Amino acid sequence: MDSALQTQMKQTAARHALSLVRDGMTLGLGTGSTTAFFVQYLGAALRAGALKAIRGVPTSEATAHQARALGIPLISLDDVPYLDLAVDGADEVDPDLNLIK
């Protein structure tokens, strides 16, 4: 698959994930290129006022750094009883739609 198409597909997946987010949610923020697009779009939505009271739980220092730079409030997984939504990428998807991370 050509890299431009792959990038476009990752951006589309990230935008779709963002469409599932509602005000007040606590989100698991995974690691990887698709999640990086999601974090970028989430930060833009927060800055624009389209989303409010979002908290993120990053799975890596890289994601935490990106989220902080974009103004996404972060908390520890120890501080919440559950996540409303977790967004992460997959390394592979088999024909039965099982994901490998």
PDB file of N, CA and C in Angstrom:
ATOM      1  N   MET A   1       0.850  -1.171   0.000  1.00  0.00           N
ATOM      2  CA  MET A   1       0.000   0.000   0.000  1.00  0.00           C
ATOM      3  C   MET A   1       0.897   1.235   0.000  1.00  0.00           C
ATOM      4  N   ASP A   2       0.529   2.206  -0.759  1.00  0.00           N
ATOM      5  CA  ASP A   2       1.351   3.419  -0.849  1.00  0.00           C
ATOM      6  C   ASP A   2       1.217   4.240   0.435  1.00  0.00           C
ATOM      7  N   SER A   3       2.302   4.898   0.815  1.00  0.00           N
ATOM      8  CA  SER A   3       2.347   5.560   2.124  1.00  0.00           C
ATOM      9  C   SER A   3       1.367   6.730   2.228  1.00  0.00           C
ATOM     10  N   ALA A   4       1.096   7.421   1.128  1.00  0.00           N
ATOM     11  CA  ALA A   4       0.122   8.519   1.167  1.00  0.00           C
ATOM     12  C   ALA A   4      -1.270   7.983   1.470  1.00  0.00           C
ATOM     13  N   LEU A   5      -1.619   6.855   0.861  1.00  0.00           N
ATOM     14  CA  LEU A   5      -2.917   6.235   1.124  1.00  0.00           C
ATOM     15  C   LEU A   5      -2.980   5.735   2.563  1.00  0.00           C
ATOM     16  N   GLN A   6      -1.901   5.142   3.024  1.00  0.00           N
ATOM     17  CA  GLN A   6      -1.857   4.648   4.399  1.00  0.00           C
ATOM     18  C   GLN A   6      -2.035   5.806   5.392  1.00  0.00           C
ATOM     19  N   THR A   7      -1.375   6.911   5.145  1.00  0.00           N
ATOM     20  CA  THR A   7      -1.523   8.091   6.003  1.00  0.00           C
ATOM     21  C   THR A   7      -2.960   8.591   5.983  1.00  0.00           C
ATOM     22  N   GLN A   8      -3.552   8.651   4.804  1.00  0.00           N
ATOM     23  CA  GLN A   8      -4.939   9.101   4.680  1.00  0.00           C
ATOM     24  C   GLN A   8      -5.883   8.184   5.460  1.00  0.00           C
ATOM     25  N   MET A   9      -5.654   6.881   5.399  1.00  0.00           N
ATOM     26  CA  MET A   9      -6.495   5.928   6.126  1.00  0.00           C
ATOM     27  C   MET A   9      -6.343   6.105   7.639  1.00  0.00           C
ATOM     28  N   LYS A  10      -5.127   6.357   8.091  1.00  0.00           N
ATOM     29  CA  LYS A  10      -4.893   6.591   9.520  1.00  0.00           C
ATOM     30  C   LYS A  10      -5.603   7.867   9.970  1.00  0.00           C
ATOM     31  N   GLN A  11      -5.538   8.903   9.159  1.00  0.00           N
ATOM     32  CA  GLN A  11      -6.216  10.157   9.495  1.00  0.00           C
ATOM     33  C   GLN A  11      -7.732   9.964   9.538  1.00  0.00           C
ATOM     34  N   THR A  12      -8.257   9.186   8.614  1.00  0.00           N
ATOM     35  CA  THR A  12      -9.693   8.904   8.594  1.00  0.00           C
ATOM     36  C   THR A  12     -10.103   8.143   9.848  1.00  0.00           C
ATOM     37  N   ALA A  13      -9.313   7.151  10.236  1.00  0.00           N
ATOM     38  CA  ALA A  13      -9.605   6.387  11.455  1.00  0.00           C
ATOM     39  C   ALA A  13      -9.561   7.296  12.681  1.00  0.00           C
ATOM     40  N   ALA A  14      -8.579   8.184  12.729  1.00  0.00           N
ATOM     41  CA  ALA A  14      -8.448   9.102  13.865  1.00  0.00           C
ATOM     42  C   ALA A  14      -9.636  10.060  13.932  1.00  0.00           C
ATOM     43  N   ARG A  15     -10.074  10.558  12.798  1.00  0.00           N
ATOM     44  CA  ARG A  15     -11.240  11.458  12.773  1.00  0.00           C
ATOM     45  C   ARG A  15     -12.501  10.724  13.223  1.00  0.00           C
ATOM     46  N   HIS A  16     -12.634   9.471  12.791  1.00  0.00           N
ATOM     47  CA  HIS A  16     -13.802   8.692  13.222  1.00  0.00           C
ATOM     48  C   HIS A  16     -13.763   8.479  14.735  1.00  0.00           C
ATOM     49  N   ALA A  17     -12.593   8.143  15.263  1.00  0.00           N
ATOM     50  CA  ALA A  17     -12.472   7.968  16.714  1.00  0.00           C
ATOM     51  C   ALA A  17     -12.862   9.254  17.435  1.00  0.00           C
ATOM     52  N   LEU A  18     -12.444  10.396  16.916  1.00  0.00           N
ATOM     53  CA  LEU A  18     -12.794  11.674  17.535  1.00  0.00           C
ATOM     54  C   LEU A  18     -14.309  11.886  17.539  1.00  0.00           C
ATOM     55  N   SER A  19     -14.997  11.391  16.522  1.00  0.00           N
ATOM     56  CA  SER A  19     -16.453  11.564  16.454  1.00  0.00           C
ATOM     57  C   SER A  19     -17.174  10.804  17.571  1.00  0.00           C
ATOM     58  N   LEU A  20     -16.490   9.872  18.214  1.00  0.00           N
ATOM     59  CA  LEU A  20     -17.075   9.096  19.314  1.00  0.00           C
ATOM     60  C   LEU A  20     -16.902   9.780  20.669  1.00  0.00           C
ATOM     61  N   VAL A  21     -16.101  10.819  20.714  1.00  0.00           N
ATOM     62  CA  VAL A  21     -15.781  11.491  21.972  1.00  0.00           C
ATOM     63  C   VAL A  21     -16.875  12.501  22.328  1.00  0.00           C
ATOM     64  N   ARG A  22     -17.255  12.494  23.601  1.00  0.00           N
ATOM     65  CA  ARG A  22     -18.256  13.423  24.124  1.00  0.00           C
ATOM     66  C   ARG A  22     -17.661  14.202  25.292  1.00  0.00           C
ATOM     67  N   ASP A  23     -18.232  15.366  25.575  1.00  0.00           N
ATOM     68  CA  ASP A  23     -17.787  16.186  26.702  1.00  0.00           C
ATOM     69  C   ASP A  23     -17.718  15.350  27.977  1.00  0.00           C
ATOM     70  N   GLY A  24     -16.684  15.597  28.771  1.00  0.00           N
ATOM     71  CA  GLY A  24     -16.554  14.959  30.069  1.00  0.00           C
ATOM     72  C   GLY A  24     -15.932  13.577  30.063  1.00  0.00           C
ATOM     73  N   MET A  25     -15.569  13.062  28.906  1.00  0.00           N
ATOM     74  CA  MET A  25     -14.998  11.712  28.836  1.00  0.00           C
ATOM     75  C   MET A  25     -13.555  11.668  29.338  1.00  0.00           C
ATOM     76  N   THR A  26     -13.205  10.506  29.867  1.00  0.00           N
ATOM     77  CA  THR A  26     -11.821  10.186  30.187  1.00  0.00           C
ATOM     78  C   THR A  26     -11.355   9.205  29.121  1.00  0.00           C
ATOM     79  N   LEU A  27     -10.284   9.570  28.423  1.00  0.00           N
ATOM     80  CA  LEU A  27      -9.840   8.818  27.255  1.00  0.00           C
ATOM     81  C   LEU A  27      -8.488   8.164  27.481  1.00  0.00           C
ATOM     82  N   GLY A  28      -8.366   6.920  27.085  1.00  0.00           N
ATOM     83  CA  GLY A  28      -7.066   6.277  27.006  1.00  0.00           C
ATOM     84  C   GLY A  28      -6.410   6.723  25.709  1.00  0.00           C
ATOM     85  N   LEU A  29      -5.200   7.252  25.822  1.00  0.00           N
ATOM     86  CA  LEU A  29      -4.471   7.744  24.646  1.00  0.00           C
ATOM     87  C   LEU A  29      -3.299   6.822  24.387  1.00  0.00           C
ATOM     88  N   GLY A  30      -3.427   5.986  23.370  1.00  0.00           N
ATOM     89  CA  GLY A  30      -2.396   5.014  23.041  1.00  0.00           C
ATOM     90  C   GLY A  30      -1.171   5.646  22.404  1.00  0.00           C
ATOM     91  N   THR A  31      -0.406   4.798  21.758  1.00  0.00           N
ATOM     92  CA  THR A  31       0.862   5.218  21.173  1.00  0.00           C
ATOM     93  C   THR A  31       0.916   4.769  19.721  1.00  0.00           C
ATOM     94  N   GLY A  32       1.514   5.575  18.892  1.00  0.00           N
ATOM     95  CA  GLY A  32       1.689   5.204  17.493  1.00  0.00           C
ATOM     96  C   GLY A  32       1.200   6.287  16.560  1.00  0.00           C
ATOM     97  N   SER A  33       1.382   6.051  15.282  1.00  0.00           N
ATOM     98  CA  SER A  33       1.106   7.086  14.285  1.00  0.00           C
ATOM     99  C   SER A  33      -0.378   7.424  14.156  1.00  0.00           C
ATOM    100  N   THR A  34      -1.252   6.442  14.223  1.00  0.00           N
ATOM    101  CA  THR A  34      -2.683   6.726  14.116  1.00  0.00           C
ATOM    102  C   THR A  34      -3.164   7.483  15.345  1.00  0.00           C
ATOM    103  N   THR A  35      -2.709   7.056  16.507  1.00  0.00           N
ATOM    104  CA  THR A  35      -3.089   7.743  17.740  1.00  0.00           C
ATOM    105  C   THR A  35      -2.544   9.162  17.763  1.00  0.00           C
ATOM    106  N   ALA A  36      -1.371   9.373  17.196  1.00  0.00           N
ATOM    107  CA  ALA A  36      -0.810  10.729  17.137  1.00  0.00           C
ATOM    108  C   ALA A  36      -1.736  11.659  16.355  1.00  0.00           C
ATOM    109  N   PHE A  37      -2.333  11.159  15.279  1.00  0.00           N
ATOM    110  CA  PHE A  37      -3.317  11.968  14.548  1.00  0.00           C
ATOM    111  C   PHE A  37      -4.524  12.258  15.442  1.00  0.00           C
ATOM    112  N   PHE A  38      -4.999  11.230  16.153  1.00  0.00           N
ATOM    113  CA  PHE A  38      -6.147  11.418  17.044  1.00  0.00           C
ATOM    114  C   PHE A  38      -5.854  12.486  18.098  1.00  0.00           C
ATOM    115  N   VAL A  39      -4.693  12.410  18.727  1.00  0.00           N
ATOM    116  CA  VAL A  39      -4.323  13.379  19.762  1.00  0.00           C
ATOM    117  C   VAL A  39      -4.260  14.785  19.160  1.00  0.00           C
ATOM    118  N   GLN A  40      -3.733  14.894  17.965  1.00  0.00           N
ATOM    119  CA  GLN A  40      -3.688  16.186  17.265  1.00  0.00           C
ATOM    120  C   GLN A  40      -5.098  16.734  17.060  1.00  0.00           C
ATOM    121  N   TYR A  41      -6.007  15.898  16.563  1.00  0.00           N
ATOM    122  CA  TYR A  41      -7.385  16.332  16.314  1.00  0.00           C
ATOM    123  C   TYR A  41      -8.113  16.643  17.625  1.00  0.00           C
ATOM    124  N   LEU A  42      -7.844  15.853  18.671  1.00  0.00           N
ATOM    125  CA  LEU A  42      -8.457  16.087  19.974  1.00  0.00           C
ATOM    126  C   LEU A  42      -8.021  17.441  20.533  1.00  0.00           C
ATOM    127  N   GLY A  43      -6.744  17.721  20.455  1.00  0.00           N
ATOM    128  CA  GLY A  43      -6.244  19.013  20.919  1.00  0.00           C
ATOM    129  C   GLY A  43      -6.898  20.169  20.182  1.00  0.00           C
ATOM    130  N   ALA A  44      -7.046  20.029  18.871  1.00  0.00           N
ATOM    131  CA  ALA A  44      -7.690  21.082  18.074  1.00  0.00           C
ATOM    132  C   ALA A  44      -9.150  21.263  18.484  1.00  0.00           C
ATOM    133  N   ALA A  45      -9.847  20.163  18.742  1.00  0.00           N
ATOM    134  CA  ALA A  45     -11.253  20.241  19.149  1.00  0.00           C
ATOM    135  C   ALA A  45     -11.391  20.919  20.511  1.00  0.00           C
ATOM    136  N   LEU A  46     -10.478  20.642  21.422  1.00  0.00           N
ATOM    137  CA  LEU A  46     -10.510  21.287  22.735  1.00  0.00           C
ATOM    138  C   LEU A  46     -10.230  22.785  22.612  1.00  0.00           C
ATOM    139  N   ARG A  47      -9.229  23.144  21.821  1.00  0.00           N
ATOM    140  CA  ARG A  47      -8.897  24.564  21.631  1.00  0.00           C
ATOM    141  C   ARG A  47     -10.050  25.330  20.982  1.00  0.00           C
ATOM    142  N   ALA A  48     -10.755  24.670  20.076  1.00  0.00           N
ATOM    143  CA  ALA A  48     -11.876  25.309  19.379  1.00  0.00           C
ATOM    144  C   ALA A  48     -13.144  25.359  20.234  1.00  0.00           C
ATOM    145  N   GLY A  49     -13.135  24.669  21.371  1.00  0.00           N
ATOM    146  CA  GLY A  49     -14.310  24.632  22.231  1.00  0.00           C
ATOM    147  C   GLY A  49     -15.351  23.623  21.806  1.00  0.00           C
ATOM    148  N   ALA A  50     -15.020  22.782  20.834  1.00  0.00           N
ATOM    149  CA  ALA A  50     -15.958  21.760  20.367  1.00  0.00           C
ATOM    150  C   ALA A  50     -16.119  20.639  21.391  1.00  0.00           C
ATOM    151  N   LEU A  51     -15.118  20.443  22.241  1.00  0.00           N
ATOM    152  CA  LEU A  51     -15.168  19.461  23.327  1.00  0.00           C
ATOM    153  C   LEU A  51     -14.720  20.146  24.605  1.00  0.00           C
ATOM    154  N   LYS A  52     -15.290  19.677  25.732  1.00  0.00           N
ATOM    155  CA  LYS A  52     -14.958  20.263  27.030  1.00  0.00           C
ATOM    156  C   LYS A  52     -14.779  19.154  28.068  1.00  0.00           C
ATOM    157  N   ALA A  53     -13.997  19.470  29.083  1.00  0.00           N
ATOM    158  CA  ALA A  53     -13.823  18.601  30.257  1.00  0.00           C
ATOM    159  C   ALA A  53     -13.308  17.209  29.890  1.00  0.00           C
ATOM    160  N   ILE A  54     -12.462  17.138  28.899  1.00  0.00           N
ATOM    161  CA  ILE A  54     -11.837  15.875  28.495  1.00  0.00           C
ATOM    162  C   ILE A  54     -10.585  15.664  29.332  1.00  0.00           C
ATOM    163  N   ARG A  55     -10.346  14.421  29.726  1.00  0.00           N
ATOM    164  CA  ARG A  55      -9.109  14.054  30.409  1.00  0.00           C
ATOM    165  C   ARG A  55      -8.502  12.879  29.661  1.00  0.00           C
ATOM    166  N   GLY A  56      -7.193  12.895  29.524  1.00  0.00           N
ATOM    167  CA  GLY A  56      -6.499  11.825  28.828  1.00  0.00           C
ATOM    168  C   GLY A  56      -5.605  11.038  29.762  1.00  0.00           C
ATOM    169  N   VAL A  57      -5.505   9.750  29.489  1.00  0.00           N
ATOM    170  CA  VAL A  57      -4.590   8.860  30.201  1.00  0.00           C
ATOM    171  C   VAL A  57      -3.626   8.309  29.154  1.00  0.00           C
ATOM    172  N   PRO A  58      -2.417   8.858  29.090  1.00  0.00           N
ATOM    173  CA  PRO A  58      -1.471   8.431  28.049  1.00  0.00           C
ATOM    174  C   PRO A  58      -0.806   7.103  28.390  1.00  0.00           C
ATOM    175  N   THR A  59      -0.467   6.341  27.345  1.00  0.00           N
ATOM    176  CA  THR A  59       0.214   5.059  27.545  1.00  0.00           C
ATOM    177  C   THR A  59       1.718   5.159  27.366  1.00  0.00           C
ATOM    178  N   SER A  60       2.204   6.330  27.002  1.00  0.00           N
ATOM    179  CA  SER A  60       3.652   6.491  26.813  1.00  0.00           C
ATOM    180  C   SER A  60       4.053   7.934  27.081  1.00  0.00           C
ATOM    181  N   GLU A  61       5.337   8.128  27.301  1.00  0.00           N
ATOM    182  CA  GLU A  61       5.860   9.485  27.474  1.00  0.00           C
ATOM    183  C   GLU A  61       5.697  10.299  26.191  1.00  0.00           C
ATOM    184  N   ALA A  62       5.853   9.647  25.039  1.00  0.00           N
ATOM    185  CA  ALA A  62       5.702  10.356  23.761  1.00  0.00           C
ATOM    186  C   ALA A  62       4.288  10.909  23.615  1.00  0.00           C
ATOM    187  N   THR A  63       3.296  10.096  23.940  1.00  0.00           N
ATOM    188  CA  THR A  63       1.911  10.555  23.854  1.00  0.00           C
ATOM    189  C   THR A  63       1.638  11.635  24.893  1.00  0.00           C
ATOM    190  N   ALA A  64       2.171  11.465  26.095  1.00  0.00           N
ATOM    191  CA  ALA A  64       1.992  12.472  27.144  1.00  0.00           C
ATOM    192  C   ALA A  64       2.583  13.808  26.703  1.00  0.00           C
ATOM    193  N   HIS A  65       3.760  13.765  26.117  1.00  0.00           N
ATOM    194  CA  HIS A  65       4.420  14.990  25.651  1.00  0.00           C
ATOM    195  C   HIS A  65       3.573  15.687  24.584  1.00  0.00           C
ATOM    196  N   GLN A  66       3.095  14.920  23.599  1.00  0.00           N
ATOM    197  CA  GLN A  66       2.270  15.496  22.538  1.00  0.00           C
ATOM    198  C   GLN A  66       0.984  16.083  23.118  1.00  0.00           C
ATOM    199  N   ALA A  67       0.326  15.334  24.000  1.00  0.00           N
ATOM    200  CA  ALA A  67      -0.941  15.793  24.576  1.00  0.00           C
ATOM    201  C   ALA A  67      -0.749  17.070  25.391  1.00  0.00           C
ATOM    202  N   ARG A  68       0.302  17.110  26.204  1.00  0.00           N
ATOM    203  CA  ARG A  68       0.571  18.319  26.996  1.00  0.00           C
ATOM    204  C   ARG A  68       0.799  19.525  26.079  1.00  0.00           C
ATOM    205  N   ALA A  69       1.565  19.312  25.019  1.00  0.00           N
ATOM    206  CA  ALA A  69       1.863  20.399  24.080  1.00  0.00           C
ATOM    207  C   ALA A  69       0.596  20.930  23.411  1.00  0.00           C
ATOM    208  N   LEU A  70      -0.411  20.079  23.293  1.00  0.00           N
ATOM    209  CA  LEU A  70      -1.667  20.470  22.650  1.00  0.00           C
ATOM    210  C   LEU A  70      -2.726  20.920  23.653  1.00  0.00           C
ATOM    211  N   GLY A  71      -2.365  20.959  24.933  1.00  0.00           N
ATOM    212  CA  GLY A  71      -3.291  21.443  25.949  1.00  0.00           C
ATOM    213  C   GLY A  71      -4.317  20.438  26.424  1.00  0.00           C
ATOM    214  N   ILE A  72      -4.061  19.152  26.218  1.00  0.00           N
ATOM    215  CA  ILE A  72      -4.991  18.118  26.669  1.00  0.00           C
ATOM    216  C   ILE A  72      -4.674  17.793  28.131  1.00  0.00           C
ATOM    217  N   PRO A  73      -5.638  17.959  29.053  1.00  0.00           N
ATOM    218  CA  PRO A  73      -5.396  17.635  30.453  1.00  0.00           C
ATOM    219  C   PRO A  73      -5.146  16.134  30.624  1.00  0.00           C
ATOM    220  N   LEU A  74      -4.118  15.798  31.398  1.00  0.00           N
ATOM    221  CA  LEU A  74      -3.748  14.403  31.601  1.00  0.00           C
ATOM    222  C   LEU A  74      -3.893  14.006  33.062  1.00  0.00           C
ATOM    223  N   ILE A  75      -4.252  12.744  33.265  1.00  0.00           N
ATOM    224  CA  ILE A  75      -4.314  12.160  34.596  1.00  0.00           C
ATOM    225  C   ILE A  75      -3.714  10.765  34.521  1.00  0.00           C
ATOM    226  N   SER A  76      -3.503  10.173  35.676  1.00  0.00           N
ATOM    227  CA  SER A  76      -2.975   8.814  35.759  1.00  0.00           C
ATOM    228  C   SER A  76      -4.124   7.809  35.750  1.00  0.00           C
ATOM    229  N   LEU A  77      -3.870   6.635  35.253  1.00  0.00           N
ATOM    230  CA  LEU A  77      -4.869   5.568  35.285  1.00  0.00           C
ATOM    231  C   LEU A  77      -5.263   5.246  36.724  1.00  0.00           C
ATOM    232  N   ASP A  78      -4.353   5.465  37.662  1.00  0.00           N
ATOM    233  CA  ASP A  78      -4.647   5.230  39.079  1.00  0.00           C
ATOM    234  C   ASP A  78      -5.707   6.191  39.616  1.00  0.00           C
ATOM    235  N   ASP A  79      -5.952   7.287  38.909  1.00  0.00           N
ATOM    236  CA  ASP A  79      -6.881   8.319  39.378  1.00  0.00           C
ATOM    237  C   ASP A  79      -8.317   8.128  38.904  1.00  0.00           C
ATOM    238  N   VAL A  80      -8.573   7.125  38.084  1.00  0.00           N
ATOM    239  CA  VAL A  80      -9.928   6.935  37.545  1.00  0.00           C
ATOM    240  C   VAL A  80     -10.337   5.469  37.653  1.00  0.00           C
ATOM    241  N   PRO A  81     -11.632   5.209  37.876  1.00  0.00           N
ATOM    242  CA  PRO A  81     -12.080   3.818  37.977  1.00  0.00           C
ATOM    243  C   PRO A  81     -12.207   3.120  36.618  1.00  0.00           C
ATOM    244  N   TYR A  82     -12.378   3.905  35.550  1.00  0.00           N
ATOM    245  CA  TYR A  82     -12.538   3.325  34.212  1.00  0.00           C
ATOM    246  C   TYR A  82     -12.250   4.392  33.162  1.00  0.00           C
ATOM    247  N   LEU A  83     -12.061   3.942  31.936  1.00  0.00           N
ATOM    248  CA  LEU A  83     -11.920   4.834  30.784  1.00  0.00           C
ATOM    249  C   LEU A  83     -13.220   4.786  29.991  1.00  0.00           C
ATOM    250  N   ASP A  84     -13.639   5.924  29.489  1.00  0.00           N
ATOM    251  CA  ASP A  84     -14.833   5.949  28.644  1.00  0.00           C
ATOM    252  C   ASP A  84     -14.544   5.425  27.245  1.00  0.00           C
ATOM    253  N   LEU A  85     -13.332   5.664  26.775  1.00  0.00           N
ATOM    254  CA  LEU A  85     -12.925   5.247  25.438  1.00  0.00           C
ATOM    255  C   LEU A  85     -11.408   5.183  25.411  1.00  0.00           C
ATOM    256  N   ALA A  86     -10.871   4.166  24.787  1.00  0.00           N
ATOM    257  CA  ALA A  86      -9.423   4.071  24.587  1.00  0.00           C
ATOM    258  C   ALA A  86      -9.151   4.062  23.088  1.00  0.00           C
ATOM    259  N   VAL A  87      -8.195   4.876  22.683  1.00  0.00           N
ATOM    260  CA  VAL A  87      -7.838   4.975  21.268  1.00  0.00           C
ATOM    261  C   VAL A  87      -6.388   4.544  21.119  1.00  0.00           C
ATOM    262  N   ASP A  88      -6.164   3.545  20.297  1.00  0.00           N
ATOM    263  CA  ASP A  88      -4.819   3.026  20.062  1.00  0.00           C
ATOM    264  C   ASP A  88      -4.780   2.454  18.657  1.00  0.00           C
ATOM    265  N   GLY A  89      -3.601   2.256  18.159  1.00  0.00           N
ATOM    266  CA  GLY A  89      -3.442   1.668  16.835  1.00  0.00           C
ATOM    267  C   GLY A  89      -3.291   0.161  16.934  1.00  0.00           C
ATOM    268  N   ALA A  90      -3.285  -0.467  15.799  1.00  0.00           N
ATOM    269  CA  ALA A  90      -3.060  -1.908  15.714  1.00  0.00           C
ATOM    270  C   ALA A  90      -1.932  -2.157  14.725  1.00  0.00           C
ATOM    271  N   ASP A  91      -1.094  -3.114  15.040  1.00  0.00           N
ATOM    272  CA  ASP A  91      -0.001  -3.449  14.132  1.00  0.00           C
ATOM    273  C   ASP A  91      -0.479  -4.307  12.969  1.00  0.00           C
ATOM    274  N   GLU A  92      -1.518  -5.085  13.232  1.00  0.00           N
ATOM    275  CA  GLU A  92      -2.012  -5.991  12.194  1.00  0.00           C
ATOM    276  C   GLU A  92      -3.465  -6.339  12.489  1.00  0.00           C
ATOM    277  N   VAL A  93      -4.244  -6.571  11.430  1.00  0.00           N
ATOM    278  CA  VAL A  93      -5.627  -7.015  11.549  1.00  0.00           C
ATOM    279  C   VAL A  93      -5.767  -8.267  10.703  1.00  0.00           C
ATOM    280  N   ASP A  94      -6.258  -9.354  11.318  1.00  0.00           N
ATOM    281  CA  ASP A  94      -6.394 -10.594  10.555  1.00  0.00           C
ATOM    282  C   ASP A  94      -7.744 -10.626   9.836  1.00  0.00           C
ATOM    283  N   PRO A  95      -7.997 -11.634   8.991  1.00  0.00           N
ATOM    284  CA  PRO A  95      -9.246 -11.690   8.224  1.00  0.00           C
ATOM    285  C   PRO A  95     -10.509 -11.728   9.088  1.00  0.00           C
ATOM    286  N   ASP A  96     -10.375 -12.172  10.362  1.00  0.00           N
ATOM    287  CA  ASP A  96     -11.522 -12.202  11.274  1.00  0.00           C
ATOM    288  C   ASP A  96     -11.653 -10.907  12.080  1.00  0.00           C
ATOM    289  N   LEU A  97     -10.867  -9.894  11.711  1.00  0.00           N
ATOM    290  CA  LEU A  97     -10.847  -8.584  12.358  1.00  0.00           C
ATOM    291  C   LEU A  97     -10.304  -8.616  13.784  1.00  0.00           C
ATOM    292  N   ASN A  98      -9.479  -9.612  14.095  1.00  0.00           N
ATOM    293  CA  ASN A  98      -8.752  -9.625  15.356  1.00  0.00           C
ATOM    294  C   ASN A  98      -7.554  -8.704  15.207  1.00  0.00           C
ATOM    295  N   LEU A  99      -7.327  -7.881  16.220  1.00  0.00           N
ATOM    296  CA  LEU A  99      -6.227  -6.923  16.173  1.00  0.00           C
ATOM    297  C   LEU A  99      -5.011  -7.455  16.906  1.00  0.00           C
ATOM    298  N   ILE A 100      -3.857  -7.160  16.356  1.00  0.00           N
ATOM    299  CA  ILE A 100      -2.593  -7.491  16.997  1.00  0.00           C
ATOM    300  C   ILE A 100      -1.903  -6.176  17.306  1.00  0.00           C
ATOM    301  N   LYS A 101      -1.523  -5.994  18.552  1.00  0.00           N
ATOM    302  CA  LYS A 101      -0.858  -4.758  18.966  1.00  0.00           C
ATOM    303  C   LYS A 101       0.571  -5.065  19.328  1.00  0.00           C
TER     304      LYS A 101
END
